[in-house]
Amino acid sequence: MAASVDDLTVEYTEGGVVTVKELGKVVLSKGAWATLLFRYQDWDHRAQCYGPDRYTIRRYQKRSGEYYQKSKFNISSREQAEKIIRALQGWLAEAQE
């Protein structure tokens, strides 16, 4: 595990192949509990290329100086990501009125 939020990643290598390629990371909160949003792609063994962009929100808890993943939410599609964005933008606009 990682000692710093900056070292947390979803990138994963198996058999010399990066099977989960991290494309971006946003730290939403830091501290004893950290929340991060990742953009990534999965390796498609059959097609021998990376698939479409995917997104995941991960929560980590720091214990004994190391961060441990406690939960995750995978955004299943671009359509779902756009719905989440629209909902949040709508709620934020309402709160400003």
PDB file of N, CA and C in Angstrom:
ATOM      1  N   MET A   1       0.836  -1.189   0.000  1.00  0.00           N
ATOM      2  CA  MET A   1       0.000   0.000   0.000  1.00  0.00           C
ATOM      3  C   MET A   1       0.876   1.246   0.000  1.00  0.00           C
ATOM      4  N   ALA A   2       0.236   2.381  -0.104  1.00  0.00           N
ATOM      5  CA  ALA A   2       0.948   3.652  -0.233  1.00  0.00           C
ATOM      6  C   ALA A   2       0.905   4.432   1.077  1.00  0.00           C
ATOM      7  N   ALA A   3       1.977   5.162   1.331  1.00  0.00           N
ATOM      8  CA  ALA A   3       2.057   6.004   2.521  1.00  0.00           C
ATOM      9  C   ALA A   3       1.534   7.407   2.240  1.00  0.00           C
ATOM     10  N   SER A   4       1.464   7.781   0.957  1.00  0.00           N
ATOM     11  CA  SER A   4       1.025   9.117   0.553  1.00  0.00           C
ATOM     12  C   SER A   4      -0.140   9.006  -0.417  1.00  0.00           C
ATOM     13  N   VAL A   5      -1.063   9.954  -0.339  1.00  0.00           N
ATOM     14  CA  VAL A   5      -2.188   9.983  -1.275  1.00  0.00           C
ATOM     15  C   VAL A   5      -1.670  10.071  -2.713  1.00  0.00           C
ATOM     16  N   ASP A   6      -0.596  10.810  -2.911  1.00  0.00           N
ATOM     17  CA  ASP A   6      -0.042  10.972  -4.260  1.00  0.00           C
ATOM     18  C   ASP A   6       0.455   9.657  -4.849  1.00  0.00           C
ATOM     19  N   ASP A   7       0.754   8.674  -4.012  1.00  0.00           N
ATOM     20  CA  ASP A   7       1.253   7.379  -4.486  1.00  0.00           C
ATOM     21  C   ASP A   7       0.143   6.372  -4.783  1.00  0.00           C
ATOM     22  N   LEU A   8      -1.100   6.702  -4.427  1.00  0.00           N
ATOM     23  CA  LEU A   8      -2.212   5.790  -4.687  1.00  0.00           C
ATOM     24  C   LEU A   8      -2.496   5.737  -6.187  1.00  0.00           C
ATOM     25  N   THR A   9      -2.784   4.543  -6.683  1.00  0.00           N
ATOM     26  CA  THR A   9      -3.031   4.352  -8.110  1.00  0.00           C
ATOM     27  C   THR A   9      -3.968   3.173  -8.327  1.00  0.00           C
ATOM     28  N   VAL A  10      -4.603   3.151  -9.499  1.00  0.00           N
ATOM     29  CA  VAL A  10      -5.383   1.977  -9.897  1.00  0.00           C
ATOM     30  C   VAL A  10      -4.625   1.166 -10.941  1.00  0.00           C
ATOM     31  N   GLU A  11      -3.465   1.679 -11.367  1.00  0.00           N
ATOM     32  CA  GLU A  11      -2.686   0.977 -12.391  1.00  0.00           C
ATOM     33  C   GLU A  11      -2.275  -0.400 -11.871  1.00  0.00           C
ATOM     34  N   TYR A  12      -2.390  -1.385 -12.755  1.00  0.00           N
ATOM     35  CA  TYR A  12      -2.097  -2.759 -12.371  1.00  0.00           C
ATOM     36  C   TYR A  12      -1.401  -3.460 -13.521  1.00  0.00           C
ATOM     37  N   THR A  13      -0.323  -4.179 -13.203  1.00  0.00           N
ATOM     38  CA  THR A  13       0.436  -4.927 -14.207  1.00  0.00           C
ATOM     39  C   THR A  13       0.378  -6.410 -13.865  1.00  0.00           C
ATOM     40  N   GLU A  14       0.117  -7.210 -14.894  1.00  0.00           N
ATOM     41  CA  GLU A  14       0.055  -8.663 -14.724  1.00  0.00           C
ATOM     42  C   GLU A  14       0.804  -9.304 -15.883  1.00  0.00           C
ATOM     43  N   GLY A  15       1.789 -10.111 -15.562  1.00  0.00           N
ATOM     44  CA  GLY A  15       2.555 -10.797 -16.598  1.00  0.00           C
ATOM     45  C   GLY A  15       3.275  -9.845 -17.539  1.00  0.00           C
ATOM     46  N   GLY A  16       3.725  -8.727 -17.014  1.00  0.00           N
ATOM     47  CA  GLY A  16       4.436  -7.755 -17.831  1.00  0.00           C
ATOM     48  C   GLY A  16       3.548  -6.854 -18.671  1.00  0.00           C
ATOM     49  N   VAL A  17       2.221  -7.018 -18.562  1.00  0.00           N
ATOM     50  CA  VAL A  17       1.268  -6.200 -19.327  1.00  0.00           C
ATOM     51  C   VAL A  17       0.510  -5.308 -18.353  1.00  0.00           C
ATOM     52  N   VAL A  18       0.436  -4.023 -18.668  1.00  0.00           N
ATOM     53  CA  VAL A  18      -0.366  -3.098 -17.860  1.00  0.00           C
ATOM     54  C   VAL A  18      -1.825  -3.383 -18.192  1.00  0.00           C
ATOM     55  N   THR A  19      -2.508  -4.113 -17.317  1.00  0.00           N
ATOM     56  CA  THR A  19      -3.889  -4.516 -17.584  1.00  0.00           C
ATOM     57  C   THR A  19      -4.892  -3.440 -17.178  1.00  0.00           C
ATOM     58  N   VAL A  20      -4.500  -2.557 -16.266  1.00  0.00           N
ATOM     59  CA  VAL A  20      -5.301  -1.386 -15.914  1.00  0.00           C
ATOM     60  C   VAL A  20      -4.366  -0.193 -16.020  1.00  0.00           C
ATOM     61  N   LYS A  21      -4.635   0.667 -17.003  1.00  0.00           N
ATOM     62  CA  LYS A  21      -3.774   1.823 -17.258  1.00  0.00           C
ATOM     63  C   LYS A  21      -4.449   3.086 -16.718  1.00  0.00           C
ATOM     64  N   GLU A  22      -3.806   3.712 -15.735  1.00  0.00           N
ATOM     65  CA  GLU A  22      -4.342   4.946 -15.160  1.00  0.00           C
ATOM     66  C   GLU A  22      -4.082   6.109 -16.109  1.00  0.00           C
ATOM     67  N   LEU A  23      -5.138   6.868 -16.412  1.00  0.00           N
ATOM     68  CA  LEU A  23      -5.036   8.004 -17.321  1.00  0.00           C
ATOM     69  C   LEU A  23      -5.126   9.339 -16.587  1.00  0.00           C
ATOM     70  N   GLY A  24      -5.685   9.316 -15.389  1.00  0.00           N
ATOM     71  CA  GLY A  24      -5.828  10.552 -14.633  1.00  0.00           C
ATOM     72  C   GLY A  24      -6.272  10.266 -13.213  1.00  0.00           C
ATOM     73  N   LYS A  25      -5.983  11.235 -12.340  1.00  0.00           N
ATOM     74  CA  LYS A  25      -6.337  11.079 -10.927  1.00  0.00           C
ATOM     75  C   LYS A  25      -6.643  12.458 -10.359  1.00  0.00           C
ATOM     76  N   VAL A  26      -7.732  12.542  -9.588  1.00  0.00           N
ATOM     77  CA  VAL A  26      -8.087  13.766  -8.869  1.00  0.00           C
ATOM     78  C   VAL A  26      -8.279  13.391  -7.410  1.00  0.00           C
ATOM     79  N   VAL A  27      -7.556  14.081  -6.529  1.00  0.00           N
ATOM     80  CA  VAL A  27      -7.710  13.864  -5.090  1.00  0.00           C
ATOM     81  C   VAL A  27      -8.868  14.741  -4.634  1.00  0.00           C
ATOM     82  N   LEU A  28      -9.960  14.096  -4.200  1.00  0.00           N
ATOM     83  CA  LEU A  28     -11.138  14.829  -3.755  1.00  0.00           C
ATOM     84  C   LEU A  28     -11.041  15.219  -2.287  1.00  0.00           C
ATOM     85  N   SER A  29     -10.377  14.392  -1.492  1.00  0.00           N
ATOM     86  CA  SER A  29     -10.148  14.726  -0.079  1.00  0.00           C
ATOM     87  C   SER A  29      -8.939  13.962   0.427  1.00  0.00           C
ATOM     88  N   LYS A  30      -8.272  14.565   1.416  1.00  0.00           N
ATOM     89  CA  LYS A  30      -7.088  13.957   2.030  1.00  0.00           C
ATOM     90  C   LYS A  30      -7.318  13.841   3.526  1.00  0.00           C
ATOM     91  N   GLY A  31      -6.451  13.104   4.181  1.00  0.00           N
ATOM     92  CA  GLY A  31      -6.527  12.960   5.630  1.00  0.00           C
ATOM     93  C   GLY A  31      -6.549  11.499   6.010  1.00  0.00           C
ATOM     94  N   ALA A  32      -7.116  11.214   7.185  1.00  0.00           N
ATOM     95  CA  ALA A  32      -7.216   9.829   7.640  1.00  0.00           C
ATOM     96  C   ALA A  32      -8.067   9.014   6.664  1.00  0.00           C
ATOM     97  N   TRP A  33      -9.025   9.675   6.033  1.00  0.00           N
ATOM     98  CA  TRP A  33      -9.809   9.082   4.961  1.00  0.00           C
ATOM     99  C   TRP A  33      -9.561   9.909   3.713  1.00  0.00           C
ATOM    100  N   ALA A  34      -9.206   9.270   2.628  1.00  0.00           N
ATOM    101  CA  ALA A  34      -8.949   9.959   1.362  1.00  0.00           C
ATOM    102  C   ALA A  34      -9.923   9.446   0.313  1.00  0.00           C
ATOM    103  N   THR A  35     -10.375  10.355  -0.539  1.00  0.00           N
ATOM    104  CA  THR A  35     -11.277  10.008  -1.627  1.00  0.00           C
ATOM    105  C   THR A  35     -10.629  10.454  -2.927  1.00  0.00           C
ATOM    106  N   LEU A  36     -10.536   9.533  -3.883  1.00  0.00           N
ATOM    107  CA  LEU A  36      -9.904   9.836  -5.170  1.00  0.00           C
ATOM    108  C   LEU A  36     -10.803   9.411  -6.314  1.00  0.00           C
ATOM    109  N   LEU A  37     -10.743  10.177  -7.388  1.00  0.00           N
ATOM    110  CA  LEU A  37     -11.436   9.858  -8.626  1.00  0.00           C
ATOM    111  C   LEU A  37     -10.367   9.506  -9.657  1.00  0.00           C
ATOM    112  N   PHE A  38     -10.512   8.351 -10.290  1.00  0.00           N
ATOM    113  CA  PHE A  38      -9.545   7.892 -11.286  1.00  0.00           C
ATOM    114  C   PHE A  38     -10.209   7.739 -12.645  1.00  0.00           C
ATOM    115  N   ARG A  39      -9.447   8.035 -13.690  1.00  0.00           N
ATOM    116  CA  ARG A  39      -9.810   7.724 -15.072  1.00  0.00           C
ATOM    117  C   ARG A  39      -8.826   6.651 -15.517  1.00  0.00           C
ATOM    118  N   TYR A  40      -9.334   5.578 -16.127  1.00  0.00           N
ATOM    119  CA  TYR A  40      -8.459   4.462 -16.499  1.00  0.00           C
ATOM    120  C   TYR A  40      -9.010   3.716 -17.697  1.00  0.00           C
ATOM    121  N   GLN A  41      -8.198   2.797 -18.223  1.00  0.00           N
ATOM    122  CA  GLN A  41      -8.599   1.893 -19.295  1.00  0.00           C
ATOM    123  C   GLN A  41      -8.167   0.480 -18.934  1.00  0.00           C
ATOM    124  N   ASP A  42      -9.000  -0.482 -19.302  1.00  0.00           N
ATOM    125  CA  ASP A  42      -8.676  -1.902 -19.118  1.00  0.00           C
ATOM    126  C   ASP A  42      -8.094  -2.456 -20.412  1.00  0.00           C
ATOM    127  N   TRP A  43      -7.112  -3.353 -20.287  1.00  0.00           N
ATOM    128  CA  TRP A  43      -6.520  -4.039 -21.427  1.00  0.00           C
ATOM    129  C   TRP A  43      -7.461  -5.145 -21.881  1.00  0.00           C
ATOM    130  N   ASP A  44      -7.782  -5.161 -23.164  1.00  0.00           N
ATOM    131  CA  ASP A  44      -8.611  -6.199 -23.759  1.00  0.00           C
ATOM    132  C   ASP A  44      -7.674  -7.231 -24.390  1.00  0.00           C
ATOM    133  N   HIS A  45      -7.539  -8.386 -23.729  1.00  0.00           N
ATOM    134  CA  HIS A  45      -6.613  -9.423 -24.207  1.00  0.00           C
ATOM    135  C   HIS A  45      -7.006  -9.930 -25.600  1.00  0.00           C
ATOM    136  N   ARG A  46      -8.290 -10.042 -25.847  1.00  0.00           N
ATOM    137  CA  ARG A  46      -8.764 -10.570 -27.124  1.00  0.00           C
ATOM    138  C   ARG A  46      -8.426  -9.631 -28.279  1.00  0.00           C
ATOM    139  N   ALA A  47      -8.709  -8.326 -28.086  1.00  0.00           N
ATOM    140  CA  ALA A  47      -8.471  -7.341 -29.153  1.00  0.00           C
ATOM    141  C   ALA A  47      -7.033  -6.813 -29.139  1.00  0.00           C
ATOM    142  N   GLN A  48      -6.306  -7.114 -28.060  1.00  0.00           N
ATOM    143  CA  GLN A  48      -4.924  -6.645 -27.905  1.00  0.00           C
ATOM    144  C   GLN A  48      -4.814  -5.116 -27.953  1.00  0.00           C
ATOM    145  N   CYS A  49      -5.756  -4.469 -27.254  1.00  0.00           N
ATOM    146  CA  CYS A  49      -5.719  -3.009 -27.145  1.00  0.00           C
ATOM    147  C   CYS A  49      -6.492  -2.599 -25.891  1.00  0.00           C
ATOM    148  N   TYR A  50      -6.397  -1.327 -25.552  1.00  0.00           N
ATOM    149  CA  TYR A  50      -7.123  -0.816 -24.394  1.00  0.00           C
ATOM    150  C   TYR A  50      -8.555  -0.474 -24.790  1.00  0.00           C
ATOM    151  N   GLY A  51      -9.452  -0.701 -23.851  1.00  0.00           N
ATOM    152  CA  GLY A  51     -10.865  -0.412 -24.061  1.00  0.00           C
ATOM    153  C   GLY A  51     -11.172   1.056 -23.817  1.00  0.00           C
ATOM    154  N   PRO A  52     -12.461   1.368 -23.741  1.00  0.00           N
ATOM    155  CA  PRO A  52     -12.875   2.758 -23.546  1.00  0.00           C
ATOM    156  C   PRO A  52     -12.485   3.271 -22.155  1.00  0.00           C
ATOM    157  N   ASP A  53     -12.471   4.587 -22.031  1.00  0.00           N
ATOM    158  CA  ASP A  53     -12.194   5.196 -20.729  1.00  0.00           C
ATOM    159  C   ASP A  53     -13.246   4.761 -19.716  1.00  0.00           C
ATOM    160  N   ARG A  54     -12.780   4.532 -18.500  1.00  0.00           N
ATOM    161  CA  ARG A  54     -13.652   4.176 -17.383  1.00  0.00           C
ATOM    162  C   ARG A  54     -13.284   5.086 -16.215  1.00  0.00           C
ATOM    163  N   TYR A  55     -14.172   5.130 -15.223  1.00  0.00           N
ATOM    164  CA  TYR A  55     -13.978   6.017 -14.080  1.00  0.00           C
ATOM    165  C   TYR A  55     -14.333   5.266 -12.809  1.00  0.00           C
ATOM    166  N   THR A  56     -13.620   5.563 -11.734  1.00  0.00           N
ATOM    167  CA  THR A  56     -13.895   4.928 -10.452  1.00  0.00           C
ATOM    168  C   THR A  56     -13.599   5.917  -9.332  1.00  0.00           C
ATOM    169  N   ILE A  57     -14.414   5.853  -8.301  1.00  0.00           N
ATOM    170  CA  ILE A  57     -14.193   6.650  -7.094  1.00  0.00           C
ATOM    171  C   ILE A  57     -13.766   5.666  -6.013  1.00  0.00           C
ATOM    172  N   ARG A  58     -12.634   5.936  -5.384  1.00  0.00           N
ATOM    173  CA  ARG A  58     -12.100   5.033  -4.353  1.00  0.00           C
ATOM    174  C   ARG A  58     -11.947   5.773  -3.034  1.00  0.00           C
ATOM    175  N   ARG A  59     -12.260   5.075  -1.935  1.00  0.00           N
ATOM    176  CA  ARG A  59     -12.067   5.605  -0.577  1.00  0.00           C
ATOM    177  C   ARG A  59     -10.983   4.778   0.094  1.00  0.00           C
ATOM    178  N   TYR A  60     -10.060   5.480   0.721  1.00  0.00           N
ATOM    179  CA  TYR A  60      -8.942   4.831   1.403  1.00  0.00           C
ATOM    180  C   TYR A  60      -8.905   5.310   2.850  1.00  0.00           C
ATOM    181  N   GLN A  61      -8.513   4.403   3.745  1.00  0.00           N
ATOM    182  CA  GLN A  61      -8.318   4.747   5.156  1.00  0.00           C
ATOM    183  C   GLN A  61      -6.841   4.585   5.477  1.00  0.00           C
ATOM    184  N   LYS A  62      -6.304   5.575   6.185  1.00  0.00           N
ATOM    185  CA  LYS A  62      -4.893   5.496   6.572  1.00  0.00           C
ATOM    186  C   LYS A  62      -4.802   4.862   7.954  1.00  0.00           C
ATOM    187  N   ARG A  63      -4.064   3.756   8.014  1.00  0.00           N
ATOM    188  CA  ARG A  63      -3.826   3.045   9.276  1.00  0.00           C
ATOM    189  C   ARG A  63      -2.351   2.687   9.332  1.00  0.00           C
ATOM    190  N   SER A  64      -1.736   2.950  10.479  1.00  0.00           N
ATOM    191  CA  SER A  64      -0.316   2.635  10.676  1.00  0.00           C
ATOM    192  C   SER A  64       0.558   3.218   9.572  1.00  0.00           C
ATOM    193  N   GLY A  65       0.197   4.425   9.117  1.00  0.00           N
ATOM    194  CA  GLY A  65       1.004   5.122   8.132  1.00  0.00           C
ATOM    195  C   GLY A  65       0.803   4.696   6.688  1.00  0.00           C
ATOM    196  N   GLU A  66      -0.130   3.781   6.423  1.00  0.00           N
ATOM    197  CA  GLU A  66      -0.386   3.290   5.068  1.00  0.00           C
ATOM    198  C   GLU A  66      -1.868   3.445   4.718  1.00  0.00           C
ATOM    199  N   TYR A  67      -2.151   3.734   3.447  1.00  0.00           N
ATOM    200  CA  TYR A  67      -3.529   3.817   2.969  1.00  0.00           C
ATOM    201  C   TYR A  67      -4.013   2.453   2.500  1.00  0.00           C
ATOM    202  N   TYR A  68      -5.219   2.090   2.918  1.00  0.00           N
ATOM    203  CA  TYR A  68      -5.849   0.835   2.523  1.00  0.00           C
ATOM    204  C   TYR A  68      -7.193   1.145   1.895  1.00  0.00           C
ATOM    205  N   GLN A  69      -7.460   0.534   0.726  1.00  0.00           N
ATOM    206  CA  GLN A  69      -8.739   0.760   0.071  1.00  0.00           C
ATOM    207  C   GLN A  69      -9.863   0.174   0.909  1.00  0.00           C
ATOM    208  N   LYS A  70     -10.903   0.980   1.134  1.00  0.00           N
ATOM    209  CA  LYS A  70     -12.036   0.530   1.932  1.00  0.00           C
ATOM    210  C   LYS A  70     -13.301   0.367   1.092  1.00  0.00           C
ATOM    211  N   SER A  71     -13.434   1.171   0.033  1.00  0.00           N
ATOM    212  CA  SER A  71     -14.611   1.037  -0.830  1.00  0.00           C
ATOM    213  C   SER A  71     -14.313   1.631  -2.197  1.00  0.00           C
ATOM    214  N   LYS A  72     -15.174   1.268  -3.153  1.00  0.00           N
ATOM    215  CA  LYS A  72     -15.027   1.804  -4.499  1.00  0.00           C
ATOM    216  C   LYS A  72     -16.384   1.838  -5.168  1.00  0.00           C
ATOM    217  N   PHE A  73     -16.516   2.758  -6.104  1.00  0.00           N
ATOM    218  CA  PHE A  73     -17.699   2.841  -6.956  1.00  0.00           C
ATOM    219  C   PHE A  73     -17.204   2.994  -8.381  1.00  0.00           C
ATOM    220  N   ASN A  74     -17.518   2.028  -9.222  1.00  0.00           N
ATOM    221  CA  ASN A  74     -17.135   2.077 -10.626  1.00  0.00           C
ATOM    222  C   ASN A  74     -18.274   2.680 -11.433  1.00  0.00           C
ATOM    223  N   ILE A  75     -17.969   3.720 -12.181  1.00  0.00           N
ATOM    224  CA  ILE A  75     -18.947   4.330 -13.074  1.00  0.00           C
ATOM    225  C   ILE A  75     -18.947   3.462 -14.325  1.00  0.00           C
ATOM    226  N   SER A  76     -20.090   2.875 -14.626  1.00  0.00           N
ATOM    227  CA  SER A  76     -20.141   1.779 -15.595  1.00  0.00           C
ATOM    228  C   SER A  76     -20.083   2.197 -17.055  1.00  0.00           C
ATOM    229  N   SER A  77     -20.358   3.465 -17.350  1.00  0.00           N
ATOM    230  CA  SER A  77     -20.366   3.878 -18.749  1.00  0.00           C
ATOM    231  C   SER A  77     -20.243   5.394 -18.854  1.00  0.00           C
ATOM    232  N   ARG A  78     -19.973   5.851 -20.061  1.00  0.00           N
ATOM    233  CA  ARG A  78     -19.929   7.295 -20.314  1.00  0.00           C
ATOM    234  C   ARG A  78     -21.301   7.907 -20.012  1.00  0.00           C
ATOM    235  N   GLU A  79     -22.359   7.201 -20.400  1.00  0.00           N
ATOM    236  CA  GLU A  79     -23.723   7.682 -20.159  1.00  0.00           C
ATOM    237  C   GLU A  79     -23.975   7.876 -18.657  1.00  0.00           C
ATOM    238  N   GLN A  80     -23.550   6.912 -17.842  1.00  0.00           N
ATOM    239  CA  GLN A  80     -23.741   7.040 -16.398  1.00  0.00           C
ATOM    240  C   GLN A  80     -22.931   8.217 -15.849  1.00  0.00           C
ATOM    241  N   ALA A  81     -21.706   8.408 -16.348  1.00  0.00           N
ATOM    242  CA  ALA A  81     -20.873   9.532 -15.912  1.00  0.00           C
ATOM    243  C   ALA A  81     -21.562  10.854 -16.238  1.00  0.00           C
ATOM    244  N   GLU A  82     -22.131  10.956 -17.435  1.00  0.00           N
ATOM    245  CA  GLU A  82     -22.821  12.182 -17.832  1.00  0.00           C
ATOM    246  C   GLU A  82     -24.054  12.439 -16.966  1.00  0.00           C
ATOM    247  N   LYS A  83     -24.786  11.387 -16.590  1.00  0.00           N
ATOM    248  CA  LYS A  83     -25.949  11.538 -15.709  1.00  0.00           C
ATOM    249  C   LYS A  83     -25.524  12.046 -14.334  1.00  0.00           C
ATOM    250  N   ILE A  84     -24.421  11.520 -13.816  1.00  0.00           N
ATOM    251  CA  ILE A  84     -23.900  11.961 -12.516  1.00  0.00           C
ATOM    252  C   ILE A  84     -23.524  13.441 -12.592  1.00  0.00           C
ATOM    253  N   ILE A  85     -22.845  13.824 -13.671  1.00  0.00           N
ATOM    254  CA  ILE A  85     -22.437  15.223 -13.855  1.00  0.00           C
ATOM    255  C   ILE A  85     -23.664  16.132 -13.900  1.00  0.00           C
ATOM    256  N   ARG A  86     -24.667  15.749 -14.691  1.00  0.00           N
ATOM    257  CA  ARG A  86     -25.878  16.580 -14.809  1.00  0.00           C
ATOM    258  C   ARG A  86     -26.594  16.701 -13.470  1.00  0.00           C
ATOM    259  N   ALA A  87     -26.685  15.610 -12.735  1.00  0.00           N
ATOM    260  CA  ALA A  87     -27.366  15.648 -11.432  1.00  0.00           C
ATOM    261  C   ALA A  87     -26.634  16.582 -10.474  1.00  0.00           C
ATOM    262  N   LEU A  88     -25.321  16.460 -10.398  1.00  0.00           N
ATOM    263  CA  LEU A  88     -24.545  17.313  -9.499  1.00  0.00           C
ATOM    264  C   LEU A  88     -24.628  18.779  -9.915  1.00  0.00           C
ATOM    265  N   GLN A  89     -24.527  19.048 -11.214  1.00  0.00           N
ATOM    266  CA  GLN A  89     -24.626  20.427 -11.687  1.00  0.00           C
ATOM    267  C   GLN A  89     -25.998  21.018 -11.359  1.00  0.00           C
ATOM    268  N   GLY A  90     -27.039  20.224 -11.525  1.00  0.00           N
ATOM    269  CA  GLY A  90     -28.394  20.683 -11.197  1.00  0.00           C
ATOM    270  C   GLY A  90     -28.538  20.993  -9.722  1.00  0.00           C
ATOM    271  N   TRP A  91     -28.059  20.099  -8.892  1.00  0.00           N
ATOM    272  CA  TRP A  91     -28.156  20.317  -7.445  1.00  0.00           C
ATOM    273  C   TRP A  91     -27.351  21.526  -7.009  1.00  0.00           C
ATOM    274  N   LEU A  92     -26.160  21.697  -7.581  1.00  0.00           N
ATOM    275  CA  LEU A  92     -25.330  22.841  -7.227  1.00  0.00           C
ATOM    276  C   LEU A  92     -25.980  24.147  -7.669  1.00  0.00           C
ATOM    277  N   ALA A  93     -26.619  24.136  -8.841  1.00  0.00           N
ATOM    278  CA  ALA A  93     -27.326  25.332  -9.325  1.00  0.00           C
ATOM    279  C   ALA A  93     -28.488  25.671  -8.415  1.00  0.00           C
ATOM    280  N   GLU A  94     -29.237  24.644  -7.976  1.00  0.00           N
ATOM    281  CA  GLU A  94     -30.368  24.860  -7.052  1.00  0.00           C
ATOM    282  C   GLU A  94     -29.887  25.459  -5.735  1.00  0.00           C
ATOM    283  N   ALA A  95     -28.748  24.978  -5.254  1.00  0.00           N
ATOM    284  CA  ALA A  95     -28.231  25.451  -3.970  1.00  0.00           C
ATOM    285  C   ALA A  95     -27.795  26.915  -4.035  1.00  0.00           C
ATOM    286  N   GLN A  96     -27.487  27.411  -5.232  1.00  0.00           N
ATOM    287  CA  GLN A  96     -27.036  28.790  -5.394  1.00  0.00           C
ATOM    288  C   GLN A  96     -28.209  29.751  -5.504  1.00  0.00           C
ATOM    289  N   GLU A  97     -29.397  29.244  -5.748  1.00  0.00           N
ATOM    290  CA  GLU A  97     -30.568  30.108  -5.924  1.00  0.00           C
ATOM    291  C   GLU A  97     -31.080  30.666  -4.624  1.00  0.00           C
TER     292      GLU A  97
END
